[in-house]
């Protein structure tokens, strides 16, 4: 028998080694190396990232041989036009639609709605093109029951229950679908590897097998992936390098709304955000997400401020809340939900040094309403003003909106797309705005009074 090759791959960065070691030399993580079996050295028939998969018992030819090399300017982009998935929010996160020959990985917590979203998308696409939905975790009856409950058109979609990757590719070769969904990649296995489904070697090789076939045939491949407790995609890190687009569907079990965020996209903007509402009829698009995030209390309260964040290619109006209370502990608590914890501590130090407000003996809690995770620095000014409002028990005007980055020396720095943020706020009826001086509009905005500030002290004075 031929000797079986093995390798050790880091789960955090994807680096591989010929033998096990405690620490990864590339990323410095400890105890992240996992052994994977690569199959026999000769006659393996294994379809890795650099090999060509077998289709119907015959090895498919390489699409990138020397005879098929072409000059870059001679490539016609009209041969691979994007096409819509049927949902504008999904298309927005994808960068404008599905690209033929692309590999897309959709991750999310159990119950987030991954299968529901993909089933709705596939039923819509099946009306105009060949589509194949492969389920490995559910039976055909379970999928049919969900489709009937959601009142989806089921007369065109091809459904298959299979976990063997060779059988999936053989079925795709026979049906020739334009779009293929595999739910999920963690349950798919190949006969060339003896390890159990879901292991690092199985996930890596099966994903490479499917992606290689999608690239050669121009088929759109949608893979469903599980996530770990910390919210990252399960499996080897190299899986994220192989696919073209990585999307994460977020939302708690008791939350009505789901956020679809792009983490990697070779065909569009990263960190693009799509909003869906989970209803009895499935996932429904939210056309105006700012309206749901601004569903404020009927009676105004201190510690509440409205900011304009930029998500992907559009502005969003989001409410941020802060609560400052006397601490009963020797070490006051600093809790941030939807914000970066370390940035909250840094901004409190800036507020003390350049705003003259001492909250060292106070518990400070900050929360972004609606479950949105704010990743940009434009929320700094709104967070500080909400903290000041709660500490002084002074209600901020309901028609006031603000944004801006706060530096360590107390300066208010401009943020990108300031004009678009102000126009979005004016469209929703806000009449006052506190913005960095670098984002001051050149002309007047109808119905809005804009106050441009350059220091934190000026922003605090504008509240008086």
Protein backbone atom coordinates (compact mmCIF):
# COMPACT_ATOMS: atom_id res chain seq x y z
CA UNK A 1 0.00 0.00 0.00
CA UNK A 2 1.11 3.52 -0.73
CA UNK A 3 2.17 5.55 2.28
CA UNK A 4 -0.47 8.00 3.44
CA UNK A 5 0.63 11.64 3.65
CA UNK A 6 -0.30 13.83 6.60
CA UNK A 7 0.11 17.51 7.41
CA UNK A 8 -0.54 19.77 10.38
CA UNK A 9 -2.63 22.88 9.69
CA UNK A 10 -3.19 25.89 11.97
CA UNK A 11 -6.90 26.50 12.54
CA UNK A 12 -6.35 30.25 13.03
CA UNK A 13 -4.21 31.25 10.05
CA UNK A 14 -4.19 28.18 7.78
CA UNK A 15 -0.40 27.63 7.79
CA UNK A 16 0.68 24.01 7.38
CA UNK A 17 3.66 22.11 8.79
CA UNK A 18 5.19 18.68 8.20
CA UNK A 19 5.15 17.84 11.93
CA UNK A 20 3.25 18.91 15.01
CA UNK A 21 4.47 21.77 17.19
CA UNK A 22 2.90 23.57 20.11
CA UNK A 23 2.94 27.08 18.66
CA UNK A 24 2.22 28.26 15.12
CA UNK A 25 5.29 30.11 13.83
CA UNK A 26 3.24 32.42 11.58
CA UNK A 27 0.45 33.72 13.83
CA UNK A 28 1.87 32.81 17.27
CA UNK A 29 -1.24 30.91 18.44
CA UNK A 30 -0.80 27.97 20.80
CA UNK A 31 -2.30 24.48 20.39
CA UNK A 32 -4.08 25.28 17.11
CA UNK A 33 -2.32 22.73 14.86
CA UNK A 34 -4.56 19.88 13.70
CA UNK A 35 -3.46 16.79 11.80
CA UNK A 36 -5.09 16.24 8.41
CA UNK A 37 -4.74 13.23 6.14
CA UNK A 38 -3.93 14.04 2.54
CA UNK A 39 -4.46 10.55 1.12
CA UNK A 40 -1.96 8.27 -0.65
CA UNK A 41 0.97 9.70 -2.56
CA UNK A 42 0.18 7.90 -5.83
CA UNK A 43 -3.07 7.09 -7.58
CA UNK A 44 -5.12 8.94 -5.01
CA UNK A 45 -7.60 10.62 -7.33
CA UNK A 46 -7.85 13.31 -4.65
CA UNK A 47 -9.10 16.67 -5.84
CA UNK A 48 -7.30 19.25 -3.74
CA UNK A 49 -6.97 22.94 -4.35
CA UNK A 50 -4.50 22.38 -7.17
CA UNK A 51 -6.03 19.23 -8.64
CA UNK A 52 -8.92 18.70 -10.99
CA UNK A 53 -11.99 16.87 -9.66
CA UNK A 54 -13.32 13.64 -11.04
CA UNK A 55 -16.71 13.94 -12.69
CA UNK A 56 -18.70 10.81 -13.47
CA UNK A 57 -15.67 8.59 -12.89
CA UNK A 58 -13.47 10.56 -15.30
CA UNK A 59 -10.99 13.21 -14.35
CA UNK A 60 -12.05 16.58 -15.69
CA UNK A 61 -9.39 18.47 -17.61
CA UNK A 62 -7.69 21.58 -16.28
CA UNK A 63 -9.29 24.79 -17.43
CA UNK A 64 -6.06 26.75 -17.02
CA UNK A 65 -3.63 24.91 -19.33
CA UNK A 66 -1.23 26.76 -21.59
CA UNK A 67 -3.45 26.23 -24.65
CA UNK A 68 -6.29 28.13 -22.98
CA UNK A 69 -4.22 31.14 -21.83
CA UNK A 70 -5.69 34.42 -23.03
CA UNK A 71 -4.61 38.06 -23.12
CA UNK A 72 -6.18 40.06 -20.30
CA UNK A 73 -7.71 42.73 -22.51
CA UNK A 74 -9.35 40.09 -24.73
CA UNK A 75 -11.46 38.65 -21.91
CA UNK A 76 -15.12 39.53 -22.41
CA UNK A 77 -16.80 40.34 -19.10
CA UNK A 78 -20.21 39.98 -20.75
CA UNK A 79 -19.69 36.21 -20.66
CA UNK A 80 -20.22 36.19 -16.88
CA UNK A 81 -22.87 38.78 -16.02
CA UNK A 82 -24.21 39.05 -12.50
CA UNK A 83 -27.77 37.97 -11.86
CA UNK A 84 -30.09 38.84 -9.01
CA UNK A 85 -30.83 36.48 -6.14
CA UNK A 86 -34.34 37.85 -5.84
CA UNK A 87 -33.65 39.81 -2.63
CA UNK A 88 -32.22 43.32 -2.84
CA UNK A 89 -30.63 43.12 0.61
CA UNK A 90 -28.91 39.85 -0.30
CA UNK A 91 -27.71 41.35 -3.60
CA UNK A 92 -26.38 44.39 -1.73
CA UNK A 93 -24.18 42.26 0.53
CA UNK A 94 -22.98 40.20 -2.46
CA UNK A 95 -21.93 43.36 -4.27
CA UNK A 96 -24.76 43.54 -6.79
CA UNK A 97 -25.80 39.93 -7.32
CA UNK A 98 -24.47 36.43 -7.87
CA UNK A 99 -21.35 36.01 -10.02
CA UNK A 100 -21.07 32.83 -12.14
CA UNK A 101 -18.21 30.59 -11.02
CA UNK A 102 -18.05 32.08 -7.52
CA UNK A 103 -17.91 30.26 -4.19
CA UNK A 104 -19.95 31.83 -1.37
CA UNK A 105 -19.82 30.75 2.27
CA UNK A 106 -22.83 31.62 4.46
CA UNK A 107 -22.30 31.22 8.19
CA UNK A 108 -24.42 31.85 11.25
CA UNK A 109 -25.60 30.52 14.60
CA UNK A 110 -28.12 27.66 14.72
CA UNK A 111 -31.60 29.06 14.15
CA UNK A 112 -30.38 32.30 12.57
CA UNK A 113 -32.24 31.53 9.32
CA UNK A 114 -29.51 30.34 6.95
CA UNK A 115 -31.51 27.48 5.46
CA UNK A 116 -34.66 29.60 5.28
CA UNK A 117 -32.90 32.40 3.39
CA UNK A 118 -31.24 30.02 0.93
CA UNK A 119 -34.42 28.02 0.34
CA UNK A 120 -36.31 31.22 -0.49
CA UNK A 121 -33.51 32.29 -2.83
CA UNK A 122 -33.32 28.93 -4.59
CA UNK A 123 -37.09 28.69 -5.10
CA UNK A 124 -36.99 32.13 -6.72
CA UNK A 125 -34.02 31.29 -8.97
CA UNK A 126 -35.46 27.92 -9.99
CA UNK A 127 -38.24 29.68 -11.89
CA UNK A 128 -35.75 31.06 -14.44
CA UNK A 129 -32.77 28.66 -14.30
CA UNK A 130 -31.66 25.21 -13.18
CA UNK A 131 -31.06 25.13 -9.42
CA UNK A 132 -30.03 22.27 -7.12
CA UNK A 133 -30.42 22.29 -3.34
CA UNK A 134 -28.39 19.59 -1.53
CA UNK A 135 -29.28 19.04 2.10
CA UNK A 136 -27.13 16.89 4.35
CA UNK A 137 -28.53 17.81 7.77
CA UNK A 138 -32.26 17.57 7.05
CA UNK A 139 -34.43 15.06 5.25
CA UNK A 140 -36.26 15.89 2.04
CA UNK A 141 -39.56 15.87 3.94
CA UNK A 142 -38.28 18.47 6.42
CA UNK A 143 -37.23 20.82 3.64
CA UNK A 144 -40.54 20.29 1.85
CA UNK A 145 -42.46 21.08 5.04
CA UNK A 146 -40.54 24.34 5.46
CA UNK A 147 -41.17 25.32 1.85
CA UNK A 148 -44.90 24.64 2.23
CA UNK A 149 -45.06 26.60 5.49
CA UNK A 150 -43.36 29.56 3.81
CA UNK A 151 -45.70 29.24 0.80
CA UNK A 152 -42.81 29.06 -1.67
CA UNK A 153 -43.09 27.87 -5.30
CA UNK A 154 -41.80 24.28 -5.28
CA UNK A 155 -42.50 23.07 -8.83
CA UNK A 156 -39.05 23.89 -10.29
CA UNK A 157 -36.41 23.44 -7.58
CA UNK A 158 -34.34 20.23 -7.65
CA UNK A 159 -33.85 18.80 -4.14
CA UNK A 160 -31.33 16.17 -3.10
CA UNK A 161 -30.28 14.59 0.21
CA UNK A 162 -26.62 13.58 -0.01
CA UNK A 163 -23.39 13.92 1.99
CA UNK A 164 -20.89 12.31 -0.39
CA UNK A 165 -19.05 15.00 -2.35
CA UNK A 166 -18.40 12.72 -5.33
CA UNK A 167 -22.12 11.95 -5.60
CA UNK A 168 -22.97 15.66 -5.34
CA UNK A 169 -20.60 16.55 -8.19
CA UNK A 170 -21.92 13.66 -10.30
CA UNK A 171 -25.49 14.90 -9.79
CA UNK A 172 -24.44 18.44 -10.67
CA UNK A 173 -22.76 17.14 -13.83
CA UNK A 174 -26.01 15.43 -14.85
CA UNK A 175 -28.40 18.28 -13.98
CA UNK A 176 -26.00 21.13 -14.88
CA UNK A 177 -27.47 23.68 -12.42
CA UNK A 178 -26.58 27.36 -12.55
CA UNK A 179 -26.74 27.56 -8.74
CA UNK A 180 -25.84 24.83 -6.22
CA UNK A 181 -26.46 24.98 -2.47
CA UNK A 182 -24.71 22.55 -0.10
CA UNK A 183 -26.17 22.60 3.42
CA UNK A 184 -23.80 22.22 5.13
CA UNK A 185 -20.10 21.79 4.34
CA UNK A 186 -19.47 20.31 7.82
CA UNK A 187 -21.49 17.14 7.04
CA UNK A 188 -20.06 16.50 3.55
CA UNK A 189 -17.32 13.87 3.20
CA UNK A 190 -15.13 12.35 0.52
CA UNK A 191 -14.27 8.67 0.19
CA UNK A 192 -10.58 9.45 -0.32
CA UNK A 193 -10.15 10.46 3.33
CA UNK A 194 -10.91 8.14 6.22
CA UNK A 195 -11.54 10.79 8.88
CA UNK A 196 -15.05 11.61 10.08
CA UNK A 197 -17.22 14.31 8.43
CA UNK A 198 -16.64 17.71 9.96
CA UNK A 199 -12.94 17.14 10.60
CA UNK A 200 -10.38 19.62 9.33
CA UNK A 201 -9.22 17.38 6.50
CA UNK A 202 -12.76 16.55 5.31
CA UNK A 203 -13.93 20.17 5.33
CA UNK A 204 -10.81 21.35 3.56
CA UNK A 205 -10.81 18.73 0.81
CA UNK A 206 -14.57 18.73 0.17
CA UNK A 207 -14.67 22.51 -0.11
CA UNK A 208 -11.72 22.48 -2.52
CA UNK A 209 -13.41 19.75 -4.57
CA UNK A 210 -16.66 21.70 -4.92
CA UNK A 211 -15.04 25.09 -5.51
CA UNK A 212 -12.81 23.66 -8.24
CA UNK A 213 -15.84 22.23 -10.04
CA UNK A 214 -17.74 25.53 -9.72
CA UNK A 215 -14.82 27.48 -11.22
CA UNK A 216 -14.54 25.15 -14.20
CA UNK A 217 -18.25 25.05 -15.01
CA UNK A 218 -19.25 28.65 -14.16
CA UNK A 219 -21.72 27.47 -11.52
CA UNK A 220 -22.54 29.56 -8.45
CA UNK A 221 -21.72 27.55 -5.30
CA UNK A 222 -23.37 28.44 -1.98
CA UNK A 223 -21.94 26.66 1.07
CA UNK A 224 -23.52 26.76 4.52
CA UNK A 225 -21.01 26.80 7.39
CA UNK A 226 -21.37 26.46 11.15
CA UNK A 227 -19.90 28.96 13.58
CA UNK A 228 -18.07 28.50 16.87
CA UNK A 229 -19.00 29.96 20.26
CA UNK A 230 -17.07 33.15 19.59
CA UNK A 231 -18.96 33.72 16.31
CA UNK A 232 -16.19 32.74 13.87
CA UNK A 233 -16.64 30.16 11.13
CA UNK A 234 -15.87 26.61 12.20
CA UNK A 235 -13.27 24.60 10.34
CA UNK A 236 -9.81 25.41 9.01
CA UNK A 237 -8.89 29.02 8.32
CA UNK A 238 -7.85 28.05 4.80
CA UNK A 239 -11.56 27.58 4.00
CA UNK A 240 -12.03 31.36 4.11
CA UNK A 241 -9.12 31.79 1.70
CA UNK A 242 -10.56 29.39 -0.87
CA UNK A 243 -14.01 30.96 -1.20
CA UNK A 244 -14.76 34.27 -2.95
CA UNK A 245 -17.32 35.67 -0.55
CA UNK A 246 -17.84 35.08 3.17
CA UNK A 247 -21.16 36.20 4.68
CA UNK A 248 -22.32 35.97 8.28
CA UNK A 249 -26.00 35.96 9.29
CA UNK A 250 -26.31 37.38 12.78
CA UNK A 251 -29.23 37.62 15.19
CA UNK A 252 -30.24 36.18 18.55
CA UNK A 253 -33.01 33.64 18.92
CA UNK A 254 -35.42 36.14 20.47
CA UNK A 255 -34.64 38.95 18.02
CA UNK A 256 -36.99 39.66 15.18
CA UNK A 257 -34.39 41.14 12.87
CA UNK A 258 -31.37 39.48 11.26
CA UNK A 259 -28.29 41.25 9.93
CA UNK A 260 -26.41 39.85 6.96
CA UNK A 261 -22.85 41.16 6.95
CA UNK A 262 -20.16 40.59 4.32
CA UNK A 263 -16.79 39.72 5.85
CA UNK A 264 -14.94 38.98 2.61
CA UNK A 265 -16.00 39.75 -0.94
CA UNK A 266 -13.90 39.63 -4.08
CA UNK A 267 -16.74 41.16 -6.08
CA UNK A 268 -18.02 43.91 -3.81
CA UNK A 269 -17.68 45.98 -0.67
CA UNK A 270 -16.57 44.41 2.61
CA UNK A 271 -18.68 45.05 5.74
CA UNK A 272 -21.79 45.64 3.65
CA UNK A 273 -24.92 45.16 5.73
CA UNK A 274 -28.29 43.70 4.80
CA UNK A 275 -31.30 43.73 7.14
CA UNK A 276 -33.99 41.03 7.22
CA UNK A 277 -37.01 40.47 9.44
CA UNK A 278 -37.87 36.93 10.51
CA UNK A 279 -41.62 36.42 10.04
CA UNK A 280 -44.01 33.48 9.70
CA UNK A 281 -43.57 33.75 5.92
CA UNK A 282 -39.79 33.54 6.20
CA UNK A 283 -37.10 36.19 5.81
CA UNK A 284 -38.47 39.53 4.65
CA UNK A 285 -36.31 42.44 3.51
CA UNK A 286 -36.23 45.66 5.50
CA UNK A 287 -36.25 48.48 2.95
CA UNK A 288 -35.68 51.28 5.48
CA UNK A 289 -33.47 49.91 8.28
CA UNK A 290 -32.99 53.33 9.89
CA UNK A 291 -36.69 53.36 10.77
CA UNK A 292 -36.49 50.14 12.83
CA UNK A 293 -33.33 51.19 14.66
CA UNK A 294 -34.93 54.54 15.57
CA UNK A 295 -37.98 53.02 17.22
CA UNK A 296 -37.39 55.11 20.34
CA UNK A 297 -39.33 55.28 23.58
CA UNK A 298 -42.40 57.51 23.71
CA UNK A 299 -40.98 59.46 26.66
CA UNK A 300 -37.46 60.88 26.20
CA UNK A 301 -34.80 59.82 28.70
CA UNK A 302 -31.28 60.86 29.49
CA UNK A 303 -28.36 58.87 28.12
CA UNK A 304 -29.87 58.41 24.65
CA UNK A 305 -28.30 59.81 21.47
CA UNK A 306 -28.74 59.22 17.74
CA UNK A 307 -25.72 58.74 15.47
CA UNK A 308 -25.23 58.14 11.76
CA UNK A 309 -22.98 55.17 10.96
CA UNK A 310 -21.79 54.13 7.51
CA UNK A 311 -22.37 50.47 6.71
CA UNK A 312 -20.91 49.37 3.38
CA UNK A 313 -22.44 51.75 0.85
CA UNK A 314 -25.23 53.41 2.84
CA UNK A 315 -25.77 55.43 6.03
CA UNK A 316 -27.80 54.10 8.96
CA UNK A 317 -29.37 56.05 11.80
CA UNK A 318 -28.82 54.16 15.05
CA UNK A 319 -29.63 54.98 18.65
CA UNK A 320 -26.90 54.59 21.23
CA UNK A 321 -27.63 54.45 24.97
CA UNK A 322 -25.39 55.00 27.97
CA UNK A 323 -25.98 54.48 31.68
CA UNK A 324 -23.68 55.96 34.32
CA UNK A 325 -24.32 54.88 37.90
CA UNK A 326 -22.48 54.85 41.24
CA UNK A 327 -20.26 51.81 41.52
CA UNK A 328 -20.58 49.50 44.51
CA UNK A 329 -17.27 47.81 43.69
CA UNK A 330 -13.69 48.86 44.09
CA UNK A 331 -13.14 48.42 40.36
CA UNK A 332 -15.98 50.13 38.41
CA UNK A 333 -17.47 48.15 35.53
CA UNK A 334 -17.13 49.10 31.87
CA UNK A 335 -19.60 47.19 29.68
CA UNK A 336 -20.05 47.82 25.94
CA UNK A 337 -22.64 45.95 23.82
CA UNK A 338 -22.28 46.46 20.08
CA UNK A 339 -19.14 48.55 20.61
CA UNK A 340 -15.47 47.87 21.24
CA UNK A 341 -14.73 47.45 24.94
CA UNK A 342 -11.23 48.94 24.85
CA UNK A 343 -12.40 51.98 22.89
CA UNK A 344 -14.97 52.76 25.60
CA UNK A 345 -12.22 52.83 28.23
CA UNK A 346 -10.08 55.07 26.02
CA UNK A 347 -12.91 57.53 25.39
CA UNK A 348 -13.64 57.76 29.13
CA UNK A 349 -10.02 58.80 29.68
CA UNK A 350 -10.35 61.45 26.94
CA UNK A 351 -13.58 62.69 28.55
CA UNK A 352 -11.79 63.11 31.87
CA UNK A 353 -8.70 64.80 30.46
CA UNK A 354 -10.27 67.11 27.87
CA UNK A 355 -13.93 67.28 28.95
CA UNK A 356 -13.47 67.79 32.67
CA UNK A 357 -15.82 64.95 33.60
CA UNK A 358 -14.61 62.38 36.14
CA UNK A 359 -16.38 59.03 35.96
CA UNK A 360 -13.61 56.92 37.49
CA UNK A 361 -15.83 55.90 40.40
CA UNK A 362 -18.90 55.21 38.20
CA UNK A 363 -20.13 52.11 36.41
CA UNK A 364 -20.51 52.86 32.70
CA UNK A 365 -22.73 50.76 30.43
CA UNK A 366 -23.07 51.42 26.69
CA UNK A 367 -25.45 49.73 24.25
CA UNK A 368 -26.30 50.06 20.56
CA UNK A 369 -30.06 49.60 20.13
CA UNK A 370 -31.28 46.95 17.71
CA UNK A 371 -28.37 44.54 18.02
CA UNK A 372 -26.19 46.39 15.51
CA UNK A 373 -22.43 46.06 15.87
CA UNK A 374 -20.72 49.38 15.21
CA UNK A 375 -17.22 48.83 13.85
CA UNK A 376 -16.26 52.36 12.77
CA UNK A 377 -14.98 55.29 14.83
CA UNK A 378 -17.74 57.73 13.84
CA UNK A 379 -19.68 56.64 16.95
CA UNK A 380 -17.11 58.20 19.33
CA UNK A 381 -18.79 61.59 19.63
CA UNK A 382 -22.30 60.17 20.08
CA UNK A 383 -21.06 57.75 22.75
CA UNK A 384 -19.36 60.48 24.77
CA UNK A 385 -22.36 62.81 24.58
CA UNK A 386 -24.67 59.98 25.65
CA UNK A 387 -22.40 59.33 28.66
CA UNK A 388 -22.45 63.03 29.57
CA UNK A 389 -26.24 63.07 29.22
CA UNK A 390 -26.64 60.13 31.58
CA UNK A 391 -24.12 61.43 34.11
CA UNK A 392 -25.75 64.88 34.29
CA UNK A 393 -29.28 63.41 33.90
CA UNK A 394 -29.92 65.85 31.07
CA UNK A 395 -32.08 64.80 28.13
CA UNK A 396 -30.64 65.44 24.68
CA UNK A 397 -32.99 66.99 22.08
CA UNK A 398 -34.86 64.32 20.11
CA UNK A 399 -34.19 66.11 16.81
CA UNK A 400 -30.40 66.10 17.41
CA UNK A 401 -28.04 63.79 15.52
CA UNK A 402 -24.26 63.55 15.73
CA UNK A 403 -21.19 61.73 14.45
CA UNK A 404 -17.41 62.14 14.55
CA UNK A 405 -14.18 60.49 15.66
CA UNK A 406 -12.58 61.63 18.91
CA UNK A 407 -8.79 61.68 19.15
CA UNK A 408 -6.65 61.25 22.24
CA UNK A 409 -5.93 64.97 22.42
CA UNK A 410 -9.64 65.78 22.42
CA UNK A 411 -9.89 66.79 18.76
CA UNK A 412 -12.94 65.86 16.68
CA UNK A 413 -11.77 64.26 13.46
CA UNK A 414 -13.81 64.08 10.24
CA UNK A 415 -15.22 60.79 8.98
CA UNK A 416 -15.92 59.63 5.41
CA UNK A 417 -19.21 60.42 3.62
CA UNK A 418 -20.21 63.26 5.92
CA UNK A 419 -22.56 64.89 3.40
CA UNK A 420 -24.47 61.65 2.78
CA UNK A 421 -24.87 61.11 6.53
CA UNK A 422 -26.41 64.55 7.00
CA UNK A 423 -28.80 64.08 4.09
CA UNK A 424 -29.96 60.76 5.55
CA UNK A 425 -30.60 62.41 8.92
CA UNK A 426 -32.50 65.29 7.31
CA UNK A 427 -34.65 62.80 5.40
CA UNK A 428 -35.78 61.29 8.72
CA UNK A 429 -36.75 64.64 10.21
CA UNK A 430 -33.69 65.58 12.29
CA UNK A 431 -33.26 69.35 12.57
CA UNK A 432 -29.93 69.69 14.41
CA UNK A 433 -26.56 68.05 13.92
CA UNK A 434 -23.18 68.18 15.66
CA UNK A 435 -20.44 67.16 13.24
CA UNK A 436 -16.66 67.56 12.88
CA UNK A 437 -15.51 70.79 11.28
CA UNK A 438 -14.03 68.78 8.42
CA UNK A 439 -17.51 67.39 7.64
CA UNK A 440 -19.27 70.77 7.65
CA UNK A 441 -21.46 71.00 4.51
CA UNK A 442 -20.48 73.55 1.87
CA UNK A 443 -24.08 74.60 1.41
CA UNK A 444 -27.10 74.70 3.65
CA UNK A 445 -29.14 71.56 4.22
CA UNK A 446 -32.83 72.31 4.10
CA UNK A 447 -34.47 72.13 7.51
CA UNK A 448 -31.26 71.31 9.43
CA UNK A 449 -28.98 73.42 11.61
CA UNK A 450 -25.44 72.05 11.52
CA UNK A 451 -22.95 72.83 14.29
CA UNK A 452 -19.33 72.12 13.31
CA UNK A 453 -16.88 71.49 16.17
CA UNK A 454 -13.16 70.81 16.28
CA UNK A 455 -12.69 69.93 19.97
CA UNK A 456 -14.57 67.91 22.54
CA UNK A 457 -15.06 70.97 24.71
CA UNK A 458 -16.87 72.71 21.83
CA UNK A 459 -19.22 69.73 21.44
CA UNK A 460 -20.04 69.82 25.15
CA UNK A 461 -20.71 73.56 24.95
CA UNK A 462 -23.07 72.97 22.02
CA UNK A 463 -25.32 70.92 24.34
CA UNK A 464 -25.81 73.84 26.72
